[in-house]
Protein backbone atom coordinates (compact mmCIF):
# COMPACT_ATOMS: atom_id res chain seq x y z
CA UNK A 1 33.61 -56.87 24.48
CA UNK A 2 30.31 -55.05 24.79
CA UNK A 3 28.36 -55.18 21.53
CA UNK A 4 27.45 -51.81 20.01
CA UNK A 5 23.94 -50.64 20.77
CA UNK A 6 21.78 -50.00 17.72
CA UNK A 7 20.57 -46.42 17.40
CA UNK A 8 17.55 -45.47 15.30
CA UNK A 9 18.76 -44.60 11.80
CA UNK A 10 16.65 -43.15 9.02
CA UNK A 11 19.26 -44.37 6.51
CA UNK A 12 18.92 -47.90 7.88
CA UNK A 13 15.12 -47.66 7.78
CA UNK A 14 15.18 -46.56 4.14
CA UNK A 15 17.53 -49.38 3.15
CA UNK A 16 15.52 -51.93 5.13
CA UNK A 17 12.27 -50.88 3.43
CA UNK A 18 13.87 -51.06 -0.02
CA UNK A 19 15.20 -54.56 0.63
CA UNK A 20 11.81 -55.76 1.84
CA UNK A 21 10.21 -54.27 -1.29
CA UNK A 22 12.68 -56.20 -3.45
CA UNK A 23 12.13 -59.53 -1.73
CA UNK A 24 11.78 -62.72 -3.73
CA UNK A 25 10.12 -65.45 -1.62
CA UNK A 26 10.85 -68.10 -4.24
CA UNK A 27 14.61 -67.65 -3.95
CA UNK A 28 14.79 -67.11 -0.19
CA UNK A 29 14.65 -70.75 1.02
CA UNK A 30 17.40 -71.87 -1.32
CA UNK A 31 19.63 -68.98 -0.30
CA UNK A 32 19.11 -69.77 3.37
CA UNK A 33 19.85 -73.45 2.81
CA UNK A 34 23.01 -72.75 0.81
CA UNK A 35 24.36 -70.46 3.51
CA UNK A 36 23.24 -72.80 6.31
CA UNK A 37 21.79 -69.73 7.97
CA UNK A 38 19.49 -69.67 10.98
CA UNK A 39 18.55 -66.12 9.96
CA UNK A 40 16.02 -66.09 7.11
CA UNK A 41 16.61 -64.43 3.74
CA UNK A 42 14.41 -62.05 1.80
CA UNK A 43 15.59 -63.59 -1.45
CA UNK A 44 17.49 -60.51 -2.64
CA UNK A 45 20.82 -61.43 -4.25
CA UNK A 46 24.04 -60.22 -2.65
CA UNK A 47 24.94 -57.93 -5.55
CA UNK A 48 21.41 -56.53 -5.70
CA UNK A 49 21.55 -55.91 -1.95
CA UNK A 50 24.78 -53.96 -2.35
CA UNK A 51 23.41 -52.05 -5.34
CA UNK A 52 20.25 -51.04 -3.47
CA UNK A 53 22.16 -50.10 -0.32
CA UNK A 54 24.81 -47.97 -1.99
CA UNK A 55 22.34 -46.26 -4.32
CA UNK A 56 20.32 -45.12 -1.32
CA UNK A 57 23.39 -43.98 0.62
CA UNK A 58 24.82 -42.07 -2.35
CA UNK A 59 21.51 -40.40 -3.17
CA UNK A 60 20.92 -39.18 0.38
CA UNK A 61 20.94 -35.40 0.78
CA UNK A 62 22.85 -34.23 2.62
CA UNK A 63 25.35 -37.04 2.23
CA UNK A 64 25.57 -39.08 5.44
CA UNK A 65 28.61 -38.34 7.54
CA UNK A 66 30.72 -40.96 9.27
CA UNK A 67 28.61 -40.99 12.44
CA UNK A 68 25.40 -41.45 10.44
CA UNK A 69 26.92 -44.28 8.44
CA UNK A 70 28.14 -46.02 11.59
CA UNK A 71 24.71 -45.66 13.20
CA UNK A 72 23.12 -47.20 10.10
CA UNK A 73 25.63 -50.06 10.08
CA UNK A 74 24.96 -50.87 13.73
CA UNK A 75 21.19 -50.56 13.27
CA UNK A 76 21.15 -52.86 10.24
CA UNK A 77 23.55 -55.36 11.78
CA UNK A 78 22.20 -55.60 15.32
CA UNK A 79 18.56 -55.13 14.39
CA UNK A 80 18.55 -57.56 11.46
CA UNK A 81 15.60 -59.87 10.92
CA UNK A 82 16.88 -60.84 7.47
CA UNK A 83 20.40 -61.77 6.41
CA UNK A 84 20.33 -59.18 3.62
CA UNK A 85 20.24 -56.46 6.29
CA UNK A 86 23.63 -57.64 7.47
CA UNK A 87 24.93 -57.68 3.92
CA UNK A 88 23.65 -54.11 3.61
CA UNK A 89 25.49 -53.13 6.80
CA UNK A 90 28.74 -54.45 5.35
CA UNK A 91 28.04 -52.68 2.04
CA UNK A 92 27.84 -49.35 3.88
CA UNK A 93 31.34 -49.99 5.20
CA UNK A 94 32.65 -49.65 1.64
CA UNK A 95 31.69 -45.96 1.54
CA UNK A 96 34.70 -43.60 1.56
CA UNK A 97 33.72 -42.05 4.91
CA UNK A 98 33.83 -45.50 6.51
CA UNK A 99 37.05 -46.97 5.15
CA UNK A 100 40.39 -47.41 6.92
CA UNK A 101 39.11 -45.94 10.19
CA UNK A 102 41.12 -47.41 13.04
CA UNK A 103 38.52 -46.17 15.50
CA UNK A 104 36.02 -48.54 13.87
CA UNK A 105 38.12 -51.65 14.47
CA UNK A 106 35.78 -52.67 17.28
CA UNK A 107 32.87 -52.63 14.83
CA UNK A 108 34.69 -54.84 12.33
CA UNK A 109 35.63 -57.24 15.12
CA UNK A 110 32.02 -57.39 16.28
CA UNK A 111 30.84 -58.17 12.75
CA UNK A 112 33.37 -60.98 12.38
CA UNK A 113 32.57 -62.54 15.75
CA UNK A 114 28.78 -62.22 15.71
CA UNK A 115 28.51 -62.89 11.97
CA UNK A 116 30.00 -66.27 12.82
CA UNK A 117 30.26 -67.55 9.25
CA UNK A 118 32.57 -67.37 6.26
CA UNK A 119 30.52 -64.94 4.15
CA UNK A 120 30.66 -62.14 6.72
CA UNK A 121 34.29 -62.88 7.61
CA UNK A 122 35.45 -62.87 4.00
CA UNK A 123 33.67 -59.59 3.27
CA UNK A 124 35.20 -58.04 6.39
CA UNK A 125 38.61 -59.15 5.08
CA UNK A 126 38.62 -56.24 2.62
CA UNK A 127 38.11 -53.73 5.42
CA UNK A 128 40.75 -55.35 7.66
CA UNK A 129 43.22 -55.30 4.77
CA UNK A 130 42.57 -51.60 4.24
CA UNK A 131 43.18 -50.96 7.93
CA UNK A 132 46.46 -52.86 7.77
CA UNK A 133 47.65 -50.79 4.81
CA UNK A 134 46.66 -47.49 6.44
CA UNK A 135 47.74 -48.32 10.01
CA UNK A 136 50.37 -51.02 9.72
CA UNK A 137 52.10 -50.32 13.03
CA UNK A 138 48.83 -50.53 14.94
CA UNK A 139 47.23 -53.39 13.01
CA UNK A 140 50.17 -55.80 12.87
CA UNK A 141 50.01 -56.66 16.59
CA UNK A 142 46.20 -56.83 16.34
CA UNK A 143 46.39 -59.48 13.63
CA UNK A 144 49.08 -61.39 15.48
CA UNK A 145 46.76 -61.46 18.50
CA UNK A 146 43.76 -62.44 16.39
CA UNK A 147 45.71 -65.35 14.92
CA UNK A 148 45.72 -66.93 18.39
CA UNK A 149 42.19 -66.04 19.47
CA UNK A 150 39.79 -68.84 20.43
CA UNK A 151 37.37 -67.55 17.78
CA UNK A 152 38.10 -69.24 14.45
CA UNK A 153 36.75 -66.35 12.38
CA UNK A 154 39.16 -63.88 13.94
CA UNK A 155 41.95 -66.35 13.20
CA UNK A 156 40.73 -66.74 9.61
CA UNK A 157 40.64 -62.96 9.31
CA UNK A 158 44.26 -62.72 10.42
CA UNK A 159 45.32 -65.31 7.83
CA UNK A 160 43.50 -63.75 4.85
CA UNK A 161 43.96 -60.07 5.74
CA UNK A 162 46.69 -59.60 3.12
CA UNK A 163 45.00 -61.34 0.19
CA UNK A 164 44.88 -58.15 -1.87
CA UNK A 165 48.31 -56.76 -1.03
CA UNK A 166 50.47 -58.49 -3.61
CA UNK A 167 54.06 -57.15 -3.44
CA UNK A 168 53.19 -55.14 -0.31
CA UNK A 169 52.54 -58.36 1.62
CA UNK A 170 54.36 -58.53 4.94
CA UNK A 171 55.73 -62.06 4.69
CA UNK A 172 56.87 -62.07 8.30
CA UNK A 173 53.29 -61.38 9.38
CA UNK A 174 51.94 -63.93 6.91
CA UNK A 175 54.33 -66.54 8.25
CA UNK A 176 53.42 -65.83 11.87
CA UNK A 177 49.65 -66.01 11.41
CA UNK A 178 49.90 -69.21 9.37
CA UNK A 179 52.28 -70.92 11.81
CA UNK A 180 49.85 -70.08 14.62
CA UNK A 181 47.14 -72.05 12.82
CA UNK A 182 48.76 -74.68 10.60
CA UNK A 183 48.05 -77.51 13.04
CA UNK A 184 44.42 -76.55 13.62
CA UNK A 185 42.01 -79.14 12.18
CA UNK A 186 39.31 -76.58 11.34
CA UNK A 187 38.36 -76.71 7.65
CA UNK A 188 37.91 -72.95 7.32
CA UNK A 189 41.33 -72.24 8.76
CA UNK A 190 43.04 -74.83 6.59
CA UNK A 191 41.27 -73.44 3.53
CA UNK A 192 42.25 -69.89 4.51
CA UNK A 193 45.91 -70.85 4.82
CA UNK A 194 45.91 -72.42 1.37
CA UNK A 195 44.04 -69.43 -0.05
CA UNK A 196 46.49 -66.91 1.41
CA UNK A 197 49.50 -68.82 0.10
CA UNK A 198 47.92 -69.44 -3.31
CA UNK A 199 47.15 -65.76 -3.69
CA UNK A 200 50.68 -64.71 -2.75
CA UNK A 201 52.11 -67.30 -5.16
CA UNK A 202 50.85 -65.06 -7.97
CA UNK A 203 53.36 -62.45 -6.72
CA UNK A 204 56.24 -64.57 -5.43
CA UNK A 205 55.93 -68.25 -6.34
CA UNK A 206 59.45 -69.04 -5.14
CA UNK A 207 58.66 -67.74 -1.66
CA UNK A 208 55.50 -69.84 -1.45
CA UNK A 209 57.25 -72.95 -2.75
CA UNK A 210 59.99 -72.54 -0.15
CA UNK A 211 57.43 -71.88 2.59
CA UNK A 212 55.55 -75.09 1.80
CA UNK A 213 58.77 -77.09 1.73
CA UNK A 214 59.87 -75.97 5.20
CA UNK A 215 56.41 -76.39 6.76
CA UNK A 216 55.72 -80.14 6.64
CA UNK A 217 52.97 -79.66 9.22
CA UNK A 218 50.68 -77.94 6.72
CA UNK A 219 47.51 -79.94 6.19
CA UNK A 220 47.01 -81.66 2.83
CA UNK A 221 44.19 -79.19 2.09
CA UNK A 222 46.37 -76.15 2.81
CA UNK A 223 49.27 -77.62 0.83
CA UNK A 224 47.08 -78.52 -2.14
CA UNK A 225 45.50 -75.07 -2.27
CA UNK A 226 48.83 -73.30 -1.79
CA UNK A 227 50.52 -75.08 -4.68
CA UNK A 228 47.59 -75.15 -7.11
CA UNK A 229 49.00 -72.49 -9.41
CA UNK A 230 52.71 -72.79 -8.74
CA UNK A 231 54.72 -73.15 -11.95
CA UNK A 232 56.98 -76.13 -12.26
CA UNK A 233 60.47 -75.36 -10.95
CA UNK A 234 63.01 -74.66 -13.66
């Protein structure tokens, strides 16, 4: 896949300048160490980064259209010197003009692959879940394919894509993406499997209990996470 090319974006420049102005050098080293990031931090908290980013986007006149938002996302993501710029790029993807766009799937995939860590993958999960809800016929085979990709973050994305779907969860899809990864020794995949099952247990505990029973190959971590909140059987 060819990465998107960053285009100059005045929206991105405005956000970038605001983040630099809000920097906190005292906090930055600890944030970088916690995230085990090779990219330095400005020391702006995640929620403050989102607040700054969305305030600027919503105040812009005229309101940025989808193309302008995408250009800003690519500029902030690909041109980032600071990790907060990448958080800002993902915050822009929460704007209504950017959500559930199947034609932006390549951008979400690029963010997951090049972000190469759990924080970016888990934020992208919300956008992938929205795409699945809006374009189930198109996205189901995509997630099935991702669940078998060499890249562990695409596989994690496939496993956790339905975390927010409750009763609308496609259990056949959930089963398939978990079975594709249950034997993998990767911590982040094992944690994701347990997380996905634990979350669905809030909706259908009997289904999750039965799933765990018939999948003895689940890792102890996945099994422990999956059953953490299961009520005792009657």
